Amino acid sequence: MGWLFSKKNTYDECRHDMLRLVDQVALLEDAVAAGREEVATSRQQVAELEKQVSKLARLQYKVGQDTQAKFEEIAMVLSAAPQWEAEYQRQARDNDLLQERQQHLIALMMQQVDEIDAVCAGLPADTDTEWRGLMEQWSQRLLSGLQGAGIHEIAIIGQSFDPLTAEGIGVVIRTAVDQGVPYEVAAVTRRGFSDAEGTVLRKAQVITYSAAGDGQHE
């Protein structure tokens, strides 16, 4: 009996050891499976990281290429700057010369208007009206040319004398009953001109009516 009992105990122990070994193997298999999952996850993370690194490298390369292109463009602009400066200076000189020529032409046209007005004023009353009309046509053409250049005659007849736009060179006594405006401009002996902004380029020379009772005369 003793031998059988001992044998039974040995069998139970072996069975218990076998079951414990099976449990350990199952735990080991679970650990291996978990390890495989971690390895697979790590590989996926590494692959994703490699993709990000590759994308970053491509982006860095593109940025480098764009930066290089910008540097080359800036270098081209800087290299062309002296030529642009020289061209700007040339155009500025040409513009100054053109303005000088325009001012000279305007002054010449004003002088011609003055000369025609002087001739018309000096013509006898019985002068052929055809000649007088021709002179007036020439004067009007010159005035139209000045207007085309932005130069306008200052309208001053019938208005009060204004020292900002006119110079008084004579006074006449008003003979009409209507006294009109004070110090009214009676005649213009030399036309005045202003530019498109209203700046006076040349004051008109005028003769005004004397104020009532001031005793002045021509």
C-alpha atoms as a PDB file:
ATOM      1  CA  MET A   1       0.000   0.000   0.000  1.00  0.00           C
ATOM      2  CA  GLY A   2       2.808   2.285   0.830  1.00  0.00           C
ATOM      3  CA  TRP A   3       4.341   1.870  -2.563  1.00  0.00           C
ATOM      4  CA  LEU A   4       1.091   2.593  -4.362  1.00  0.00           C
ATOM      5  CA  PHE A   5       0.539   5.725  -2.317  1.00  0.00           C
ATOM      6  CA  SER A   6       4.028   6.883  -3.106  1.00  0.00           C
ATOM      7  CA  LYS A   7       3.471   6.210  -6.758  1.00  0.00           C
ATOM      8  CA  LYS A   8       0.208   8.136  -6.692  1.00  0.00           C
ATOM      9  CA  ASN A   9       1.844  11.095  -5.121  1.00  0.00           C
ATOM     10  CA  THR A  10       4.508  11.092  -7.742  1.00  0.00           C
ATOM     11  CA  TYR A  11       1.923  10.981 -10.510  1.00  0.00           C
ATOM     12  CA  ASP A  12      -0.047  13.854  -9.051  1.00  0.00           C
ATOM     13  CA  GLU A  13       3.046  15.872  -8.657  1.00  0.00           C
ATOM     14  CA  CYS A  14       4.027  15.194 -12.233  1.00  0.00           C
ATOM     15  CA  ARG A  15       0.550  16.093 -13.427  1.00  0.00           C
ATOM     16  CA  HIS A  16       0.654  19.279 -11.401  1.00  0.00           C
ATOM     17  CA  ASP A  17       4.051  20.111 -12.829  1.00  0.00           C
ATOM     18  CA  MET A  18       2.802  19.454 -16.314  1.00  0.00           C
ATOM     19  CA  LEU A  19      -0.209  21.745 -15.823  1.00  0.00           C
ATOM     20  CA  ARG A  20       2.024  24.451 -14.394  1.00  0.00           C
ATOM     21  CA  LEU A  21       4.382  24.029 -17.337  1.00  0.00           C
ATOM     22  CA  VAL A  22       1.447  24.338 -19.727  1.00  0.00           C
ATOM     23  CA  ASP A  23       0.389  27.563 -17.995  1.00  0.00           C
ATOM     24  CA  GLN A  24       3.919  28.913 -18.205  1.00  0.00           C
ATOM     25  CA  VAL A  25       4.104  28.018 -21.891  1.00  0.00           C
ATOM     26  CA  ALA A  26       0.762  29.800 -22.453  1.00  0.00           C
ATOM     27  CA  LEU A  27       2.069  32.862 -20.608  1.00  0.00           C
ATOM     28  CA  LEU A  28       5.251  32.708 -22.633  1.00  0.00           C
ATOM     29  CA  GLU A  29       3.249  32.480 -25.867  1.00  0.00           C
ATOM     30  CA  ASP A  30       1.180  35.499 -24.778  1.00  0.00           C
ATOM     31  CA  ALA A  31       4.387  37.383 -23.996  1.00  0.00           C
ATOM     32  CA  VAL A  32       5.840  36.442 -27.362  1.00  0.00           C
ATOM     33  CA  ALA A  33       2.634  37.524 -29.113  1.00  0.00           C
ATOM     34  CA  ALA A  34       2.674  40.838 -27.226  1.00  0.00           C
ATOM     35  CA  GLY A  35       6.318  41.235 -28.132  1.00  0.00           C
ATOM     36  CA  ARG A  36       5.516  40.620 -31.766  1.00  0.00           C
ATOM     37  CA  GLU A  37       2.754  43.247 -31.622  1.00  0.00           C
ATOM     38  CA  GLU A  38       5.159  45.736 -30.067  1.00  0.00           C
ATOM     39  CA  VAL A  39       7.745  44.941 -32.711  1.00  0.00           C
ATOM     40  CA  ALA A  40       5.127  45.386 -35.444  1.00  0.00           C
ATOM     41  CA  THR A  41       4.023  48.699 -33.898  1.00  0.00           C
ATOM     42  CA  SER A  42       7.621  49.828 -33.609  1.00  0.00           C
ATOM     43  CA  ARG A  43       8.259  48.909 -37.240  1.00  0.00           C
ATOM     44  CA  GLN A  44       5.157  50.876 -38.270  1.00  0.00           C
ATOM     45  CA  GLN A  45       6.320  53.848 -36.240  1.00  0.00           C
ATOM     46  CA  VAL A  46       9.786  53.590 -37.784  1.00  0.00           C
ATOM     47  CA  ALA A  47       8.268  53.430 -41.267  1.00  0.00           C
ATOM     48  CA  GLU A  48       6.116  56.479 -40.528  1.00  0.00           C
ATOM     49  CA  LEU A  49       9.137  58.280 -39.128  1.00  0.00           C
ATOM     50  CA  GLU A  50      11.083  57.438 -42.262  1.00  0.00           C
ATOM     51  CA  LYS A  51       8.269  58.880 -44.357  1.00  0.00           C
ATOM     52  CA  GLN A  52       8.298  62.085 -42.309  1.00  0.00           C
ATOM     53  CA  VAL A  53      12.085  62.337 -42.580  1.00  0.00           C
ATOM     54  CA  SER A  54      11.872  61.776 -46.341  1.00  0.00           C
ATOM     55  CA  LYS A  55       9.153  64.414 -46.677  1.00  0.00           C
ATOM     56  CA  LEU A  56      11.174  66.837 -44.558  1.00  0.00           C
ATOM     57  CA  ALA A  57      14.247  66.192 -46.689  1.00  0.00           C
ATOM     58  CA  ARG A  58      12.285  66.894 -49.884  1.00  0.00           C
ATOM     59  CA  LEU A  59      10.827  70.048 -48.362  1.00  0.00           C
ATOM     60  CA  GLN A  60      14.249  71.183 -47.239  1.00  0.00           C
ATOM     61  CA  TYR A  61      15.603  70.562 -50.724  1.00  0.00           C
ATOM     62  CA  LYS A  62      12.752  72.534 -52.318  1.00  0.00           C
ATOM     63  CA  VAL A  63      13.224  75.413 -49.882  1.00  0.00           C
ATOM     64  CA  GLY A  64      16.923  75.366 -50.634  1.00  0.00           C
ATOM     65  CA  GLN A  65      16.250  75.474 -54.363  1.00  0.00           C
ATOM     66  CA  ASP A  66      13.730  78.316 -53.982  1.00  0.00           C
ATOM     67  CA  THR A  67      16.124  80.231 -51.739  1.00  0.00           C
ATOM     68  CA  GLN A  68      18.915  79.767 -54.225  1.00  0.00           C
ATOM     69  CA  ALA A  69      16.648  80.996 -57.031  1.00  0.00           C
ATOM     70  CA  LYS A  70      15.704  84.046 -54.959  1.00  0.00           C
ATOM     71  CA  PHE A  71      19.354  84.778 -54.233  1.00  0.00           C
ATOM     72  CA  GLU A  72      20.150  84.540 -57.937  1.00  0.00           C
ATOM     73  CA  GLU A  73      17.222  86.843 -58.760  1.00  0.00           C
ATOM     74  CA  ILE A  74      18.372  89.369 -56.157  1.00  0.00           C
ATOM     75  CA  ALA A  75      21.901  89.158 -57.534  1.00  0.00           C
ATOM     76  CA  MET A  76      20.585  89.874 -61.034  1.00  0.00           C
ATOM     77  CA  VAL A  77      18.586  92.846 -59.752  1.00  0.00           C
ATOM     78  CA  LEU A  78      21.606  94.206 -57.893  1.00  0.00           C
ATOM     79  CA  SER A  79      23.814  93.752 -60.923  1.00  0.00           C
ATOM     80  CA  ALA A  80      21.296  95.654 -63.069  1.00  0.00           C
ATOM     81  CA  ALA A  81      20.858  98.462 -60.529  1.00  0.00           C
ATOM     82  CA  PRO A  82      23.693 100.634 -61.926  1.00  0.00           C
ATOM     83  CA  GLN A  83      22.162 100.408 -65.408  1.00  0.00           C
ATOM     84  CA  TRP A  84      18.753 101.376 -64.041  1.00  0.00           C
ATOM     85  CA  GLU A  85      20.299 104.296 -62.158  1.00  0.00           C
ATOM     86  CA  ALA A  86      22.045 105.470 -65.313  1.00  0.00           C
ATOM     87  CA  GLU A  87      18.813 105.151 -67.308  1.00  0.00           C
ATOM     88  CA  TYR A  88      16.898 107.044 -64.613  1.00  0.00           C
ATOM     89  CA  GLN A  89      19.470 109.849 -64.673  1.00  0.00           C
ATOM     90  CA  ARG A  90      19.293 109.991 -68.468  1.00  0.00           C
ATOM     91  CA  GLN A  91      15.500 110.160 -68.439  1.00  0.00           C
ATOM     92  CA  ALA A  92      15.625 112.839 -65.720  1.00  0.00           C
ATOM     93  CA  ARG A  93      17.983 114.929 -67.855  1.00  0.00           C
ATOM     94  CA  ASP A  94      15.779 114.437 -70.904  1.00  0.00           C
ATOM     95  CA  ASN A  95      12.730 115.452 -68.880  1.00  0.00           C
ATOM     96  CA  ASP A  96      14.477 118.584 -67.582  1.00  0.00           C
ATOM     97  CA  LEU A  97      15.526 119.471 -71.116  1.00  0.00           C
ATOM     98  CA  LEU A  98      11.996 118.919 -72.381  1.00  0.00           C
ATOM     99  CA  GLN A  99      10.578 121.142 -69.646  1.00  0.00           C
ATOM    100  CA  GLU A 100      13.120 123.853 -70.466  1.00  0.00           C
ATOM    101  CA  ARG A 101      12.165 123.695 -74.122  1.00  0.00           C
ATOM    102  CA  GLN A 102       8.474 123.805 -73.232  1.00  0.00           C
ATOM    103  CA  GLN A 103       8.979 126.832 -70.996  1.00  0.00           C
ATOM    104  CA  HIS A 104      10.988 128.536 -73.750  1.00  0.00           C
ATOM    105  CA  LEU A 105       8.246 127.798 -76.296  1.00  0.00           C
ATOM    106  CA  ILE A 106       5.548 129.091 -73.928  1.00  0.00           C
ATOM    107  CA  ALA A 107       7.503 132.299 -73.300  1.00  0.00           C
ATOM    108  CA  LEU A 108       7.984 132.742 -77.047  1.00  0.00           C
ATOM    109  CA  MET A 109       4.261 132.257 -77.713  1.00  0.00           C
ATOM    110  CA  MET A 110       3.399 134.800 -74.989  1.00  0.00           C
ATOM    111  CA  GLN A 111       5.837 137.250 -76.573  1.00  0.00           C
ATOM    112  CA  GLN A 112       4.239 136.750 -79.999  1.00  0.00           C
ATOM    113  CA  VAL A 113       0.792 137.379 -78.495  1.00  0.00           C
ATOM    114  CA  ASP A 114       2.153 140.607 -76.969  1.00  0.00           C
ATOM    115  CA  GLU A 115       3.624 141.671 -80.298  1.00  0.00           C
ATOM    116  CA  ILE A 116       0.387 141.018 -82.170  1.00  0.00           C
ATOM    117  CA  ASP A 117      -1.599 142.912 -79.518  1.00  0.00           C
ATOM    118  CA  ALA A 118       0.853 145.828 -79.813  1.00  0.00           C
ATOM    119  CA  VAL A 119       0.499 145.865 -83.588  1.00  0.00           C
ATOM    120  CA  CYS A 120      -3.297 145.773 -83.358  1.00  0.00           C
ATOM    121  CA  ALA A 121      -3.284 148.552 -80.761  1.00  0.00           C
ATOM    122  CA  GLY A 122      -1.085 150.696 -83.009  1.00  0.00           C
ATOM    123  CA  LEU A 123      -3.165 150.253 -86.139  1.00  0.00           C
ATOM    124  CA  PRO A 124      -5.057 153.349 -87.224  1.00  0.00           C
ATOM    125  CA  ALA A 125      -8.808 153.189 -86.917  1.00  0.00           C
ATOM    126  CA  ASP A 126      -9.228 153.192 -90.696  1.00  0.00           C
ATOM    127  CA  THR A 127      -6.928 150.174 -91.207  1.00  0.00           C
ATOM    128  CA  ASP A 128      -8.272 147.466 -93.506  1.00  0.00           C
ATOM    129  CA  THR A 129     -10.463 145.200 -91.375  1.00  0.00           C
ATOM    130  CA  GLU A 130      -9.117 142.167 -93.245  1.00  0.00           C
ATOM    131  CA  TRP A 131      -5.641 142.776 -91.837  1.00  0.00           C
ATOM    132  CA  ARG A 132      -7.010 143.373 -88.349  1.00  0.00           C
ATOM    133  CA  GLY A 133      -9.048 140.168 -88.537  1.00  0.00           C
ATOM    134  CA  LEU A 134      -5.995 138.214 -89.694  1.00  0.00           C
ATOM    135  CA  MET A 135      -3.940 139.501 -86.778  1.00  0.00           C
ATOM    136  CA  GLU A 136      -6.711 138.554 -84.368  1.00  0.00           C
ATOM    137  CA  GLN A 137      -6.824 135.050 -85.867  1.00  0.00           C
ATOM    138  CA  TRP A 138      -3.074 134.641 -85.312  1.00  0.00           C
ATOM    139  CA  SER A 139      -3.454 135.822 -81.746  1.00  0.00           C
ATOM    140  CA  GLN A 140      -6.307 133.381 -81.115  1.00  0.00           C
ATOM    141  CA  ARG A 141      -4.300 130.482 -82.532  1.00  0.00           C
ATOM    142  CA  LEU A 142      -1.440 131.290 -80.185  1.00  0.00           C
ATOM    143  CA  LEU A 143      -3.828 131.490 -77.231  1.00  0.00           C
ATOM    144  CA  SER A 144      -5.344 128.125 -78.202  1.00  0.00           C
ATOM    145  CA  GLY A 145      -1.857 126.633 -78.385  1.00  0.00           C
ATOM    146  CA  LEU A 146      -1.102 127.928 -74.907  1.00  0.00           C
ATOM    147  CA  GLN A 147      -4.345 126.447 -73.598  1.00  0.00           C
ATOM    148  CA  GLY A 148      -3.307 123.099 -75.082  1.00  0.00           C
ATOM    149  CA  ALA A 149      -0.171 123.332 -72.948  1.00  0.00           C
ATOM    150  CA  GLY A 150      -2.241 124.101 -69.835  1.00  0.00           C
ATOM    151  CA  ILE A 151      -1.606 127.853 -69.906  1.00  0.00           C
ATOM    152  CA  HIS A 152      -4.722 130.057 -69.671  1.00  0.00           C
ATOM    153  CA  GLU A 153      -5.264 133.782 -70.039  1.00  0.00           C
ATOM    154  CA  ILE A 154      -6.406 135.431 -66.814  1.00  0.00           C
ATOM    155  CA  ALA A 155      -9.888 136.835 -67.299  1.00  0.00           C
ATOM    156  CA  ILE A 156      -9.671 140.277 -65.733  1.00  0.00           C
ATOM    157  CA  ILE A 157     -11.659 142.821 -67.764  1.00  0.00           C
ATOM    158  CA  GLY A 158     -14.634 144.184 -65.800  1.00  0.00           C
ATOM    159  CA  GLN A 159     -13.365 142.880 -62.466  1.00  0.00           C
ATOM    160  CA  SER A 160     -11.916 144.725 -59.503  1.00  0.00           C
ATOM    161  CA  PHE A 161      -8.171 145.249 -59.607  1.00  0.00           C
ATOM    162  CA  ASP A 162      -6.347 142.393 -57.852  1.00  0.00           C
ATOM    163  CA  PRO A 163      -2.622 142.902 -57.164  1.00  0.00           C
ATOM    164  CA  LEU A 164      -2.149 139.133 -57.110  1.00  0.00           C
ATOM    165  CA  THR A 165      -3.036 138.833 -60.792  1.00  0.00           C
ATOM    166  CA  ALA A 166      -2.408 142.295 -62.229  1.00  0.00           C
ATOM    167  CA  GLU A 167      -0.113 145.293 -62.263  1.00  0.00           C
ATOM    168  CA  GLY A 168      -1.690 148.706 -62.556  1.00  0.00           C
ATOM    169  CA  ILE A 169       0.052 150.969 -65.065  1.00  0.00           C
ATOM    170  CA  GLY A 170      -2.590 153.668 -65.493  1.00  0.00           C
ATOM    171  CA  VAL A 171      -5.921 155.095 -64.363  1.00  0.00           C
ATOM    172  CA  VAL A 172      -8.802 156.616 -66.335  1.00  0.00           C
ATOM    173  CA  ILE A 173     -11.860 158.502 -65.131  1.00  0.00           C
ATOM    174  CA  ARG A 174     -15.135 156.686 -65.613  1.00  0.00           C
ATOM    175  CA  THR A 175     -17.507 158.666 -67.798  1.00  0.00           C
ATOM    176  CA  ALA A 176     -20.487 156.306 -67.557  1.00  0.00           C
ATOM    177  CA  VAL A 177     -23.227 156.967 -65.030  1.00  0.00           C
ATOM    178  CA  ASP A 178     -22.993 153.368 -63.776  1.00  0.00           C
ATOM    179  CA  GLN A 179     -20.073 153.314 -61.348  1.00  0.00           C
ATOM    180  CA  GLY A 180     -19.576 149.508 -61.727  1.00  0.00           C
ATOM    181  CA  VAL A 181     -17.246 147.713 -59.317  1.00  0.00           C
ATOM    182  CA  PRO A 182     -14.575 149.591 -57.311  1.00  0.00           C
ATOM    183  CA  TYR A 183     -11.283 150.026 -59.164  1.00  0.00           C
ATOM    184  CA  GLU A 184     -12.640 148.100 -62.127  1.00  0.00           C
ATOM    185  CA  VAL A 185     -10.155 147.039 -64.806  1.00  0.00           C
ATOM    186  CA  ALA A 186     -10.878 149.173 -67.841  1.00  0.00           C
ATOM    187  CA  ALA A 187      -8.301 147.779 -70.266  1.00  0.00           C
ATOM    188  CA  VAL A 188      -5.508 145.229 -70.507  1.00  0.00           C
ATOM    189  CA  THR A 189      -2.266 146.391 -72.086  1.00  0.00           C
ATOM    190  CA  ARG A 190      -0.512 143.071 -71.603  1.00  0.00           C
ATOM    191  CA  ARG A 191      -2.285 139.780 -71.016  1.00  0.00           C
ATOM    192  CA  GLY A 192      -1.710 137.777 -67.868  1.00  0.00           C
ATOM    193  CA  PHE A 193      -1.445 133.972 -67.749  1.00  0.00           C
ATOM    194  CA  SER A 194      -1.854 131.159 -65.205  1.00  0.00           C
ATOM    195  CA  ASP A 195      -1.294 127.403 -65.291  1.00  0.00           C
ATOM    196  CA  ALA A 196      -3.861 124.626 -64.910  1.00  0.00           C
ATOM    197  CA  GLU A 197      -3.571 124.794 -61.081  1.00  0.00           C
ATOM    198  CA  GLY A 198      -4.292 128.524 -61.073  1.00  0.00           C
ATOM    199  CA  THR A 199      -0.722 129.593 -60.306  1.00  0.00           C
ATOM    200  CA  VAL A 200      -0.017 132.984 -61.846  1.00  0.00           C
ATOM    201  CA  LEU A 201       2.802 132.717 -64.376  1.00  0.00           C
ATOM    202  CA  ARG A 202       2.699 136.333 -65.483  1.00  0.00           C
ATOM    203  CA  LYS A 203       0.630 139.188 -64.105  1.00  0.00           C
ATOM    204  CA  ALA A 204      -1.458 141.231 -66.495  1.00  0.00           C
ATOM    205  CA  GLN A 205      -0.715 144.912 -66.993  1.00  0.00           C
ATOM    206  CA  VAL A 206      -3.933 146.887 -66.755  1.00  0.00           C
ATOM    207  CA  ILE A 207      -5.545 150.301 -66.678  1.00  0.00           C
ATOM    208  CA  THR A 208      -8.246 150.796 -64.076  1.00  0.00           C
ATOM    209  CA  TYR A 209     -11.076 153.225 -63.520  1.00  0.00           C
ATOM    210  CA  SER A 210     -10.411 155.680 -60.742  1.00  0.00           C
ATOM    211  CA  ALA A 211     -12.566 155.571 -57.615  1.00  0.00           C
ATOM    212  CA  ALA A 212     -15.250 158.215 -57.435  1.00  0.00           C
ATOM    213  CA  GLY A 213     -13.860 161.494 -56.137  1.00  0.00           C
ATOM    214  CA  ASP A 214     -10.218 160.406 -55.896  1.00  0.00           C
ATOM    215  CA  GLY A 215      -9.209 162.949 -58.524  1.00  0.00           C
ATOM    216  CA  GLN A 216      -6.956 160.568 -60.427  1.00  0.00           C
ATOM    217  CA  HIS A 217      -6.855 160.558 -64.211  1.00  0.00           C
ATOM    218  CA  GLU A 218      -4.922 158.952 -67.017  1.00  0.00           C
END
